[in-house]
N, C-alpha and C. Protein backbone atom coordinates (compact mmCIF):
# COMPACT_ATOMS: atom_id res chain seq x y z
N UNK A 1 10.54 47.73 42.13
CA UNK A 1 9.51 47.31 43.04
C UNK A 1 8.83 46.06 42.47
N UNK A 2 8.80 45.00 43.27
CA UNK A 2 8.21 43.74 42.84
C UNK A 2 6.72 43.75 43.12
N UNK A 3 5.98 43.18 42.14
CA UNK A 3 4.55 43.02 42.33
C UNK A 3 4.27 41.57 42.64
N UNK A 4 3.62 41.32 43.74
CA UNK A 4 3.29 39.96 44.12
C UNK A 4 1.88 39.62 43.66
N UNK A 5 1.78 38.41 43.11
CA UNK A 5 0.45 37.95 42.70
C UNK A 5 -0.28 37.38 43.90
N UNK A 6 -1.55 37.64 43.93
CA UNK A 6 -2.37 37.06 45.00
C UNK A 6 -2.56 35.58 44.72
N UNK A 7 -3.02 34.85 45.71
CA UNK A 7 -3.28 33.40 45.55
C UNK A 7 -4.25 33.17 44.39
N UNK A 8 -5.30 33.97 44.28
CA UNK A 8 -6.29 33.80 43.22
C UNK A 8 -5.69 34.08 41.84
N UNK A 9 -4.83 35.10 41.74
CA UNK A 9 -4.18 35.42 40.46
C UNK A 9 -3.24 34.29 40.03
N UNK A 10 -2.48 33.73 40.98
CA UNK A 10 -1.58 32.61 40.67
C UNK A 10 -2.38 31.40 40.21
N UNK A 11 -3.45 31.12 40.94
CA UNK A 11 -4.30 29.98 40.60
C UNK A 11 -4.89 30.15 39.19
N UNK A 12 -5.39 31.32 38.86
CA UNK A 12 -5.96 31.58 37.53
C UNK A 12 -4.89 31.48 36.44
N UNK A 13 -3.71 31.98 36.74
CA UNK A 13 -2.61 31.90 35.78
C UNK A 13 -2.24 30.44 35.50
N UNK A 14 -2.10 29.64 36.55
CA UNK A 14 -1.76 28.22 36.37
C UNK A 14 -2.88 27.45 35.67
N UNK A 15 -4.11 27.78 35.99
CA UNK A 15 -5.24 27.14 35.33
C UNK A 15 -5.24 27.48 33.84
N UNK A 16 -4.95 28.72 33.50
CA UNK A 16 -4.88 29.14 32.09
C UNK A 16 -3.77 28.39 31.36
N UNK A 17 -2.60 28.27 31.97
CA UNK A 17 -1.50 27.51 31.36
C UNK A 17 -1.89 26.04 31.16
N UNK A 18 -2.55 25.48 32.15
CA UNK A 18 -2.99 24.08 32.05
C UNK A 18 -3.96 23.90 30.88
N UNK A 19 -4.93 24.80 30.74
CA UNK A 19 -5.90 24.70 29.66
C UNK A 19 -5.24 24.88 28.29
N UNK A 20 -4.30 25.80 28.19
CA UNK A 20 -3.56 25.98 26.93
C UNK A 20 -2.80 24.70 26.59
N UNK A 21 -2.19 24.08 27.59
CA UNK A 21 -1.48 22.81 27.36
C UNK A 21 -2.41 21.72 26.87
N UNK A 22 -3.60 21.61 27.46
CA UNK A 22 -4.59 20.61 27.02
C UNK A 22 -4.98 20.84 25.57
N UNK A 23 -5.23 22.09 25.19
CA UNK A 23 -5.60 22.42 23.81
C UNK A 23 -4.47 22.04 22.85
N UNK A 24 -3.24 22.35 23.21
CA UNK A 24 -2.10 22.00 22.34
C UNK A 24 -1.96 20.50 22.20
N UNK A 25 -2.14 19.75 23.25
CA UNK A 25 -2.08 18.29 23.18
C UNK A 25 -3.17 17.76 22.26
N UNK A 26 -4.37 18.31 22.37
CA UNK A 26 -5.49 17.87 21.52
C UNK A 26 -5.19 18.15 20.05
N UNK A 27 -4.59 19.30 19.75
CA UNK A 27 -4.25 19.62 18.37
C UNK A 27 -3.21 18.65 17.81
N UNK A 28 -2.20 18.35 18.58
CA UNK A 28 -1.15 17.44 18.14
C UNK A 28 -1.71 16.02 17.99
N UNK A 29 -2.59 15.62 18.86
CA UNK A 29 -3.16 14.26 18.81
C UNK A 29 -3.97 14.03 17.55
N UNK A 30 -4.50 15.07 16.92
CA UNK A 30 -5.28 14.92 15.70
C UNK A 30 -4.40 14.89 14.45
N UNK A 31 -3.11 15.03 14.58
CA UNK A 31 -2.21 15.01 13.43
C UNK A 31 -2.22 13.63 12.78
N UNK A 32 -1.94 13.61 11.48
CA UNK A 32 -1.91 12.36 10.73
C UNK A 32 -0.49 11.85 10.66
N UNK A 33 -0.29 10.59 11.02
CA UNK A 33 1.01 9.96 10.86
C UNK A 33 0.83 8.70 10.04
N UNK A 34 1.50 8.66 8.90
CA UNK A 34 1.46 7.47 8.06
C UNK A 34 2.66 6.60 8.37
N UNK A 35 2.41 5.31 8.54
CA UNK A 35 3.50 4.36 8.72
C UNK A 35 3.82 3.81 7.34
N UNK A 36 5.10 3.85 6.99
CA UNK A 36 5.54 3.43 5.67
C UNK A 36 5.17 1.97 5.43
N UNK A 37 4.53 1.71 4.27
CA UNK A 37 4.22 0.35 3.84
C UNK A 37 5.18 -0.03 2.72
N UNK A 38 5.71 -1.23 2.78
CA UNK A 38 6.56 -1.71 1.69
C UNK A 38 5.67 -2.12 0.53
N UNK A 39 6.25 -2.27 -0.65
CA UNK A 39 5.46 -2.69 -1.81
C UNK A 39 4.82 -4.06 -1.57
N UNK A 40 5.56 -5.05 -1.02
CA UNK A 40 4.90 -6.33 -0.72
C UNK A 40 3.72 -6.18 0.25
N UNK A 41 3.83 -5.28 1.23
CA UNK A 41 2.73 -5.05 2.16
C UNK A 41 1.52 -4.44 1.44
N UNK A 42 1.78 -3.49 0.53
CA UNK A 42 0.69 -2.89 -0.23
C UNK A 42 -0.07 -3.95 -1.02
N UNK A 43 0.67 -4.83 -1.71
CA UNK A 43 0.04 -5.88 -2.52
C UNK A 43 -0.74 -6.83 -1.61
N UNK A 44 -0.11 -7.26 -0.52
CA UNK A 44 -0.74 -8.23 0.40
C UNK A 44 -2.00 -7.65 1.05
N UNK A 45 -1.95 -6.40 1.48
CA UNK A 45 -3.06 -5.78 2.19
C UNK A 45 -4.21 -5.37 1.27
N UNK A 46 -4.00 -5.42 -0.03
CA UNK A 46 -5.03 -5.00 -1.00
C UNK A 46 -5.89 -6.19 -1.41
N UNK A 47 -7.20 -6.00 -1.33
CA UNK A 47 -8.10 -7.03 -1.86
C UNK A 47 -8.29 -6.82 -3.36
N UNK A 48 -7.96 -5.62 -3.84
CA UNK A 48 -8.07 -5.31 -5.27
C UNK A 48 -7.00 -4.29 -5.66
N UNK A 49 -6.49 -4.43 -6.87
CA UNK A 49 -5.58 -3.45 -7.48
C UNK A 49 -6.15 -3.19 -8.86
N UNK A 50 -6.33 -1.90 -9.19
CA UNK A 50 -6.98 -1.58 -10.46
C UNK A 50 -6.37 -0.37 -11.13
N UNK A 51 -6.39 -0.41 -12.46
CA UNK A 51 -6.07 0.74 -13.30
C UNK A 51 -7.41 1.45 -13.50
N UNK A 52 -7.48 2.71 -13.07
CA UNK A 52 -8.76 3.43 -13.08
C UNK A 52 -8.63 4.79 -13.75
N UNK A 53 -9.80 5.33 -14.13
CA UNK A 53 -9.89 6.71 -14.62
C UNK A 53 -10.90 7.43 -13.73
N UNK A 54 -10.52 8.59 -13.21
CA UNK A 54 -11.39 9.37 -12.32
C UNK A 54 -12.55 9.95 -13.13
N UNK A 55 -13.76 9.76 -12.60
CA UNK A 55 -14.95 10.32 -13.23
C UNK A 55 -15.35 11.64 -12.57
N UNK A 56 -15.48 11.62 -11.24
CA UNK A 56 -15.79 12.84 -10.51
C UNK A 56 -15.64 12.61 -9.01
N UNK A 57 -15.68 13.72 -8.26
CA UNK A 57 -15.60 13.67 -6.80
C UNK A 57 -16.74 14.49 -6.22
N UNK A 58 -17.25 14.03 -5.08
CA UNK A 58 -18.34 14.74 -4.42
C UNK A 58 -18.12 14.70 -2.92
N UNK A 59 -18.14 15.87 -2.29
CA UNK A 59 -17.99 15.95 -0.84
C UNK A 59 -19.35 15.80 -0.17
N UNK A 60 -19.34 15.22 1.04
CA UNK A 60 -20.57 15.04 1.81
C UNK A 60 -20.26 15.16 3.29
N UNK A 61 -21.29 15.42 4.07
CA UNK A 61 -21.16 15.57 5.51
C UNK A 61 -21.81 14.36 6.17
N UNK A 62 -21.05 13.63 6.98
CA UNK A 62 -21.58 12.43 7.64
C UNK A 62 -20.95 12.28 9.01
N UNK A 63 -21.78 12.09 10.03
CA UNK A 63 -21.32 11.91 11.41
C UNK A 63 -20.37 13.01 11.87
N UNK A 64 -20.68 14.25 11.50
CA UNK A 64 -19.89 15.39 11.95
C UNK A 64 -18.58 15.60 11.21
N UNK A 65 -18.36 14.88 10.14
CA UNK A 65 -17.11 14.99 9.37
C UNK A 65 -17.40 15.22 7.90
N UNK A 66 -16.46 15.86 7.20
CA UNK A 66 -16.56 16.00 5.75
C UNK A 66 -15.79 14.84 5.11
N UNK A 67 -16.42 14.19 4.15
CA UNK A 67 -15.83 13.07 3.41
C UNK A 67 -15.91 13.38 1.92
N UNK A 68 -15.04 12.76 1.14
CA UNK A 68 -15.12 12.89 -0.32
C UNK A 68 -15.27 11.51 -0.93
N UNK A 69 -16.31 11.34 -1.72
CA UNK A 69 -16.52 10.13 -2.51
C UNK A 69 -16.05 10.41 -3.92
N UNK A 70 -15.10 9.61 -4.40
CA UNK A 70 -14.58 9.76 -5.76
C UNK A 70 -14.98 8.55 -6.57
N UNK A 71 -15.59 8.80 -7.72
CA UNK A 71 -16.03 7.73 -8.61
C UNK A 71 -14.98 7.49 -9.69
N UNK A 72 -14.75 6.21 -9.97
CA UNK A 72 -13.76 5.82 -10.96
C UNK A 72 -14.35 4.81 -11.94
N UNK A 73 -13.90 4.89 -13.18
CA UNK A 73 -14.16 3.84 -14.16
C UNK A 73 -13.00 2.85 -14.03
N UNK A 74 -13.31 1.57 -13.89
CA UNK A 74 -12.27 0.56 -13.79
C UNK A 74 -11.87 0.16 -15.21
N UNK A 75 -10.64 0.52 -15.59
CA UNK A 75 -10.14 0.19 -16.93
C UNK A 75 -9.59 -1.23 -16.97
N UNK A 76 -9.01 -1.66 -15.84
CA UNK A 76 -8.47 -3.02 -15.74
C UNK A 76 -8.37 -3.39 -14.27
N UNK A 77 -8.81 -4.58 -13.94
CA UNK A 77 -8.66 -5.09 -12.58
C UNK A 77 -7.45 -6.03 -12.58
N UNK A 78 -6.40 -5.61 -11.89
CA UNK A 78 -5.15 -6.37 -11.85
C UNK A 78 -5.22 -7.46 -10.78
N UNK A 79 -5.89 -7.16 -9.67
CA UNK A 79 -6.08 -8.12 -8.58
C UNK A 79 -7.50 -7.96 -8.07
N UNK A 80 -8.17 -9.06 -7.82
CA UNK A 80 -9.54 -9.00 -7.32
C UNK A 80 -10.55 -8.76 -8.43
N UNK A 81 -11.80 -8.83 -8.07
CA UNK A 81 -12.90 -8.60 -9.01
C UNK A 81 -13.62 -7.32 -8.63
N UNK A 82 -13.64 -6.38 -9.55
CA UNK A 82 -14.31 -5.11 -9.31
C UNK A 82 -15.36 -4.88 -10.39
N UNK A 83 -16.41 -4.14 -10.07
CA UNK A 83 -17.38 -3.77 -11.10
C UNK A 83 -16.77 -2.74 -12.05
N UNK A 84 -17.50 -2.38 -13.09
CA UNK A 84 -17.01 -1.44 -14.10
C UNK A 84 -16.80 -0.04 -13.53
N UNK A 85 -17.50 0.30 -12.45
CA UNK A 85 -17.34 1.60 -11.81
C UNK A 85 -17.30 1.38 -10.29
N UNK A 86 -16.45 2.14 -9.62
CA UNK A 86 -16.30 2.03 -8.17
C UNK A 86 -16.31 3.43 -7.55
N UNK A 87 -16.57 3.48 -6.25
CA UNK A 87 -16.48 4.73 -5.50
C UNK A 87 -15.58 4.49 -4.30
N UNK A 88 -14.66 5.41 -4.10
CA UNK A 88 -13.71 5.34 -2.99
C UNK A 88 -13.98 6.52 -2.06
N UNK A 89 -14.15 6.26 -0.78
CA UNK A 89 -14.39 7.32 0.20
C UNK A 89 -13.10 7.62 0.96
N UNK A 90 -12.86 8.94 1.13
CA UNK A 90 -11.69 9.39 1.88
C UNK A 90 -12.11 10.52 2.82
N UNK A 91 -11.40 10.66 3.93
CA UNK A 91 -11.71 11.77 4.83
C UNK A 91 -11.26 13.10 4.23
N UNK A 92 -12.02 14.15 4.54
CA UNK A 92 -11.67 15.49 4.09
C UNK A 92 -12.42 15.88 2.83
N UNK A 93 -12.31 17.16 2.49
CA UNK A 93 -12.94 17.69 1.29
C UNK A 93 -13.44 19.10 1.49
N UNK A 94 -14.11 19.64 0.47
CA UNK A 94 -14.69 20.99 0.52
C UNK A 94 -16.19 20.86 0.36
N UNK A 95 -16.92 21.52 1.29
CA UNK A 95 -18.37 21.44 1.27
C UNK A 95 -18.96 22.70 1.89
N UNK A 96 -19.82 23.37 1.16
CA UNK A 96 -20.57 24.55 1.65
C UNK A 96 -19.66 25.57 2.34
N UNK A 97 -18.56 25.90 1.71
CA UNK A 97 -17.65 26.90 2.26
C UNK A 97 -16.72 26.39 3.34
N UNK A 98 -16.84 25.13 3.72
CA UNK A 98 -15.95 24.53 4.71
C UNK A 98 -14.95 23.63 4.00
N UNK A 99 -13.73 23.60 4.54
CA UNK A 99 -12.72 22.70 3.98
C UNK A 99 -12.07 21.92 5.11
N UNK A 100 -11.95 20.61 4.90
CA UNK A 100 -11.28 19.73 5.84
C UNK A 100 -10.16 19.03 5.09
N UNK A 101 -8.94 19.18 5.58
CA UNK A 101 -7.79 18.54 4.93
C UNK A 101 -7.20 17.49 5.85
N UNK A 102 -6.88 16.35 5.27
CA UNK A 102 -6.22 15.28 6.01
C UNK A 102 -4.95 14.93 5.25
N UNK A 103 -3.79 15.18 5.88
CA UNK A 103 -2.53 14.86 5.22
C UNK A 103 -2.49 13.40 4.83
N UNK A 104 -1.99 13.14 3.63
CA UNK A 104 -1.83 11.77 3.17
C UNK A 104 -3.00 11.24 2.36
N UNK A 105 -4.08 12.01 2.26
CA UNK A 105 -5.20 11.57 1.42
C UNK A 105 -5.08 12.23 0.05
N UNK A 106 -5.03 11.42 -1.00
CA UNK A 106 -4.88 11.99 -2.34
C UNK A 106 -6.18 12.64 -2.84
N UNK A 107 -6.02 13.61 -3.71
CA UNK A 107 -7.16 14.23 -4.39
C UNK A 107 -7.04 13.89 -5.87
N UNK A 108 -8.18 13.69 -6.51
CA UNK A 108 -8.18 13.25 -7.91
C UNK A 108 -8.90 14.27 -8.78
N UNK A 109 -8.46 14.38 -10.04
CA UNK A 109 -9.08 15.25 -11.03
C UNK A 109 -9.76 14.39 -12.09
N UNK A 110 -10.82 14.92 -12.66
CA UNK A 110 -11.56 14.22 -13.69
C UNK A 110 -10.67 13.78 -14.85
N UNK A 111 -10.88 12.57 -15.34
CA UNK A 111 -10.19 11.90 -16.45
C UNK A 111 -8.74 11.50 -16.14
N UNK A 112 -8.26 11.77 -14.95
CA UNK A 112 -6.92 11.36 -14.54
C UNK A 112 -6.88 9.84 -14.35
N UNK A 113 -5.78 9.21 -14.78
CA UNK A 113 -5.62 7.76 -14.64
C UNK A 113 -4.61 7.44 -13.55
N UNK A 114 -4.89 6.33 -12.85
CA UNK A 114 -4.01 5.90 -11.76
C UNK A 114 -4.18 4.41 -11.54
N UNK A 115 -3.24 3.84 -10.79
CA UNK A 115 -3.37 2.49 -10.27
C UNK A 115 -3.65 2.65 -8.78
N UNK A 116 -4.76 2.03 -8.33
CA UNK A 116 -5.14 2.13 -6.92
C UNK A 116 -5.05 0.77 -6.25
N UNK A 117 -4.50 0.75 -5.04
CA UNK A 117 -4.44 -0.44 -4.20
C UNK A 117 -5.59 -0.29 -3.20
N UNK A 118 -6.57 -1.17 -3.29
CA UNK A 118 -7.83 -1.01 -2.57
C UNK A 118 -8.11 -2.13 -1.59
N UNK A 119 -8.87 -1.81 -0.57
CA UNK A 119 -9.39 -2.81 0.37
C UNK A 119 -10.82 -2.40 0.69
N UNK A 120 -11.62 -3.37 1.11
CA UNK A 120 -13.02 -3.10 1.42
C UNK A 120 -13.23 -3.03 2.92
N UNK A 121 -14.03 -2.07 3.34
CA UNK A 121 -14.46 -1.97 4.73
C UNK A 121 -15.76 -2.75 4.86
N UNK A 122 -16.17 -3.03 6.08
CA UNK A 122 -17.48 -3.68 6.26
C UNK A 122 -18.56 -2.85 5.56
N UNK A 123 -19.45 -3.52 4.86
CA UNK A 123 -20.47 -2.84 4.08
C UNK A 123 -20.03 -2.59 2.66
N UNK A 124 -18.91 -3.18 2.25
CA UNK A 124 -18.40 -3.12 0.87
C UNK A 124 -17.91 -1.75 0.43
N UNK A 125 -17.64 -0.83 1.37
CA UNK A 125 -17.08 0.46 0.98
C UNK A 125 -15.59 0.30 0.72
N UNK A 126 -15.11 0.84 -0.39
CA UNK A 126 -13.69 0.72 -0.74
C UNK A 126 -12.90 1.89 -0.17
N UNK A 127 -11.67 1.59 0.22
CA UNK A 127 -10.75 2.64 0.65
C UNK A 127 -9.37 2.33 0.10
N UNK A 128 -8.52 3.36 0.08
CA UNK A 128 -7.16 3.21 -0.43
C UNK A 128 -6.26 2.65 0.67
N UNK A 129 -5.54 1.60 0.36
CA UNK A 129 -4.58 1.04 1.31
C UNK A 129 -3.43 2.04 1.44
N UNK A 130 -3.19 2.48 2.66
CA UNK A 130 -2.09 3.43 2.90
C UNK A 130 -2.33 4.80 2.30
N UNK A 131 -3.56 5.14 1.96
CA UNK A 131 -3.94 6.41 1.37
C UNK A 131 -3.04 6.77 0.19
N UNK A 132 -2.16 7.76 0.34
CA UNK A 132 -1.32 8.17 -0.79
C UNK A 132 -0.32 7.09 -1.18
N UNK A 133 0.00 6.17 -0.25
CA UNK A 133 0.93 5.10 -0.57
C UNK A 133 0.33 4.10 -1.55
N UNK A 134 -0.99 3.98 -1.55
CA UNK A 134 -1.67 3.05 -2.44
C UNK A 134 -2.19 3.70 -3.71
N UNK A 135 -1.65 4.88 -4.03
CA UNK A 135 -2.05 5.63 -5.23
C UNK A 135 -0.83 5.85 -6.12
N UNK A 136 -0.90 5.35 -7.35
CA UNK A 136 0.19 5.47 -8.32
C UNK A 136 -0.37 6.16 -9.56
N UNK A 137 0.02 7.41 -9.80
CA UNK A 137 -0.49 8.20 -10.93
C UNK A 137 0.22 7.77 -12.22
N UNK A 138 -0.56 7.70 -13.26
CA UNK A 138 -0.05 7.32 -14.58
C UNK A 138 0.29 8.58 -15.37
N UNK A 139 1.49 8.60 -15.95
CA UNK A 139 1.96 9.73 -16.75
C UNK A 139 2.68 9.18 -17.98
N UNK A 140 2.87 10.03 -18.96
CA UNK A 140 3.72 9.67 -20.09
C UNK A 140 4.97 10.53 -20.03
N UNK A 141 6.12 9.89 -20.20
CA UNK A 141 7.37 10.62 -20.23
C UNK A 141 7.31 11.57 -21.42
N UNK A 142 7.46 12.88 -21.21
CA UNK A 142 7.31 13.84 -22.31
C UNK A 142 8.37 13.67 -23.41
N UNK A 143 9.51 13.14 -23.04
CA UNK A 143 10.60 12.98 -24.01
C UNK A 143 10.43 11.70 -24.83
N UNK A 144 10.06 10.60 -24.17
CA UNK A 144 10.00 9.30 -24.86
C UNK A 144 8.59 8.83 -25.16
N UNK A 145 7.60 9.37 -24.46
CA UNK A 145 6.22 8.92 -24.64
C UNK A 145 5.92 7.61 -23.92
N UNK A 146 6.89 7.08 -23.17
CA UNK A 146 6.72 5.82 -22.45
C UNK A 146 5.90 6.08 -21.19
N UNK A 147 4.84 5.27 -20.94
CA UNK A 147 4.05 5.47 -19.73
C UNK A 147 4.83 5.08 -18.47
N UNK A 148 4.67 5.91 -17.43
CA UNK A 148 5.34 5.69 -16.15
C UNK A 148 4.31 5.87 -15.02
N UNK A 149 4.67 5.40 -13.82
CA UNK A 149 3.85 5.63 -12.64
C UNK A 149 4.69 6.32 -11.57
N UNK A 150 4.02 7.17 -10.79
CA UNK A 150 4.64 7.82 -9.64
C UNK A 150 3.70 7.68 -8.46
N UNK A 151 4.24 7.20 -7.37
CA UNK A 151 3.47 6.99 -6.15
C UNK A 151 3.24 8.34 -5.47
N UNK A 152 1.99 8.60 -5.06
CA UNK A 152 1.68 9.88 -4.41
C UNK A 152 2.53 10.12 -3.18
N UNK A 153 2.86 9.08 -2.45
CA UNK A 153 3.62 9.25 -1.20
C UNK A 153 5.10 9.51 -1.43
N UNK A 154 5.54 9.57 -2.68
CA UNK A 154 6.95 9.82 -2.95
C UNK A 154 7.41 11.17 -2.39
N UNK A 155 6.47 12.09 -2.19
CA UNK A 155 6.82 13.42 -1.67
C UNK A 155 6.30 13.67 -0.26
N UNK A 156 5.76 12.62 0.38
CA UNK A 156 5.21 12.78 1.73
C UNK A 156 6.07 12.00 2.72
N UNK A 157 6.48 12.65 3.78
CA UNK A 157 7.27 11.97 4.81
C UNK A 157 6.37 11.02 5.60
N UNK A 158 6.79 9.76 5.68
CA UNK A 158 6.05 8.75 6.45
C UNK A 158 7.00 8.16 7.48
N UNK A 159 6.43 7.67 8.57
CA UNK A 159 7.24 7.09 9.63
C UNK A 159 7.77 5.73 9.19
N UNK A 160 9.07 5.55 9.28
CA UNK A 160 9.71 4.29 8.94
C UNK A 160 10.16 3.61 10.23
N UNK A 161 9.48 2.51 10.63
CA UNK A 161 9.82 1.87 11.90
C UNK A 161 11.25 1.34 11.95
N UNK A 162 11.81 0.97 10.81
CA UNK A 162 13.18 0.46 10.83
C UNK A 162 14.20 1.53 11.17
N UNK A 163 14.05 2.71 10.57
CA UNK A 163 15.01 3.79 10.86
C UNK A 163 14.56 4.64 12.04
N UNK A 164 13.30 4.42 12.49
CA UNK A 164 12.70 5.19 13.58
C UNK A 164 12.71 6.68 13.29
N UNK A 165 12.39 7.00 12.05
CA UNK A 165 12.33 8.40 11.65
C UNK A 165 11.38 8.58 10.47
N UNK A 166 11.20 9.81 10.06
CA UNK A 166 10.33 10.12 8.93
C UNK A 166 11.18 10.21 7.66
N UNK A 167 10.72 9.53 6.60
CA UNK A 167 11.47 9.52 5.35
C UNK A 167 10.54 9.76 4.18
N UNK A 168 11.10 10.31 3.10
CA UNK A 168 10.38 10.47 1.85
C UNK A 168 10.94 9.43 0.88
N UNK A 169 10.18 8.38 0.69
CA UNK A 169 10.56 7.37 -0.28
C UNK A 169 9.33 6.99 -1.07
N UNK A 170 9.51 6.36 -2.16
CA UNK A 170 8.38 5.93 -2.96
C UNK A 170 8.79 5.81 -4.41
N UNK A 171 7.88 5.31 -5.19
CA UNK A 171 8.13 5.08 -6.61
C UNK A 171 8.00 6.39 -7.37
N UNK A 172 9.01 6.70 -8.19
CA UNK A 172 9.00 7.90 -9.02
C UNK A 172 9.35 7.52 -10.45
N UNK A 173 8.47 7.86 -11.38
CA UNK A 173 8.71 7.70 -12.82
C UNK A 173 9.19 6.30 -13.19
N UNK A 174 8.54 5.29 -12.61
CA UNK A 174 8.85 3.90 -12.94
C UNK A 174 8.07 3.51 -14.19
N UNK A 175 8.75 2.88 -15.13
CA UNK A 175 8.08 2.46 -16.36
C UNK A 175 6.90 1.56 -16.01
N UNK A 176 5.79 1.76 -16.70
CA UNK A 176 4.56 1.03 -16.41
C UNK A 176 4.74 -0.47 -16.55
N UNK A 177 5.46 -0.91 -17.57
CA UNK A 177 5.64 -2.36 -17.75
C UNK A 177 6.41 -2.98 -16.57
N UNK A 178 7.39 -2.26 -16.04
CA UNK A 178 8.15 -2.76 -14.89
C UNK A 178 7.27 -2.77 -13.64
N UNK A 179 6.47 -1.74 -13.46
CA UNK A 179 5.54 -1.67 -12.33
C UNK A 179 4.56 -2.83 -12.36
N UNK A 180 3.98 -3.08 -13.51
CA UNK A 180 3.01 -4.18 -13.64
C UNK A 180 3.68 -5.53 -13.38
N UNK A 181 4.90 -5.69 -13.81
CA UNK A 181 5.64 -6.94 -13.57
C UNK A 181 5.93 -7.11 -12.08
N UNK A 182 6.24 -6.01 -11.38
CA UNK A 182 6.47 -6.09 -9.94
C UNK A 182 5.20 -6.53 -9.20
N UNK A 183 4.06 -6.01 -9.62
CA UNK A 183 2.79 -6.42 -9.01
C UNK A 183 2.57 -7.92 -9.25
N UNK A 184 2.75 -8.35 -10.51
CA UNK A 184 2.53 -9.76 -10.86
C UNK A 184 3.44 -10.67 -10.04
N UNK A 185 4.71 -10.34 -9.95
CA UNK A 185 5.66 -11.17 -9.18
C UNK A 185 5.29 -11.22 -7.71
N UNK A 186 4.89 -10.08 -7.15
CA UNK A 186 4.53 -10.05 -5.74
C UNK A 186 3.27 -10.86 -5.47
N UNK A 187 2.31 -10.80 -6.38
CA UNK A 187 1.09 -11.59 -6.22
C UNK A 187 1.41 -13.09 -6.28
N UNK A 188 2.30 -13.48 -7.18
CA UNK A 188 2.70 -14.90 -7.28
C UNK A 188 3.46 -15.34 -6.04
N UNK A 189 4.30 -14.47 -5.52
CA UNK A 189 5.08 -14.79 -4.33
C UNK A 189 4.20 -15.00 -3.10
N UNK A 190 3.07 -14.31 -3.07
CA UNK A 190 2.20 -14.38 -1.90
C UNK A 190 1.17 -15.49 -1.99
N UNK A 191 1.13 -16.21 -3.09
CA UNK A 191 0.18 -17.33 -3.21
C UNK A 191 0.62 -18.43 -2.26
N UNK A 192 -0.31 -18.93 -1.40
CA UNK A 192 0.07 -19.96 -0.42
C UNK A 192 0.42 -21.28 -1.06
């Protein structure tokens, strides 16, 4: 025996499906998509490149969003002029029992060293160019003791416009001297 829905039941059912669809679209629209930046683009788009040591991080609530301000000691300014200490703001963080995560934003630990590719927003606030793509963590090879850098985005899939797909690429365990030479060459190449 078939049960027929009344006009009102059909209308309510379709309205419910429509609202579920709108919610799903809104959730997908808030997803983070990183477009892959080449190394020359990272250097060009950066107003400053620095070797830094993380001092601390502090989450704050501003304009309805959670942000994290991370303070760094500037050990060396490779490009641009930076003060001895800087603060970089990123979306997301943990505050008062709430947590907001944004894919592609790196998190830093106290005393950790990295090379950051930075740009300034209006009002002199610094941000990371390409988020995780502009973050290169400094490590020492446990076997040789030679310092190396690894790009945070090496394990994050980013959209590659050339292949029209998502790929995991990036710098992994590159010797520090070679990395620094690549920065120097790219900066010289971009001089008008």
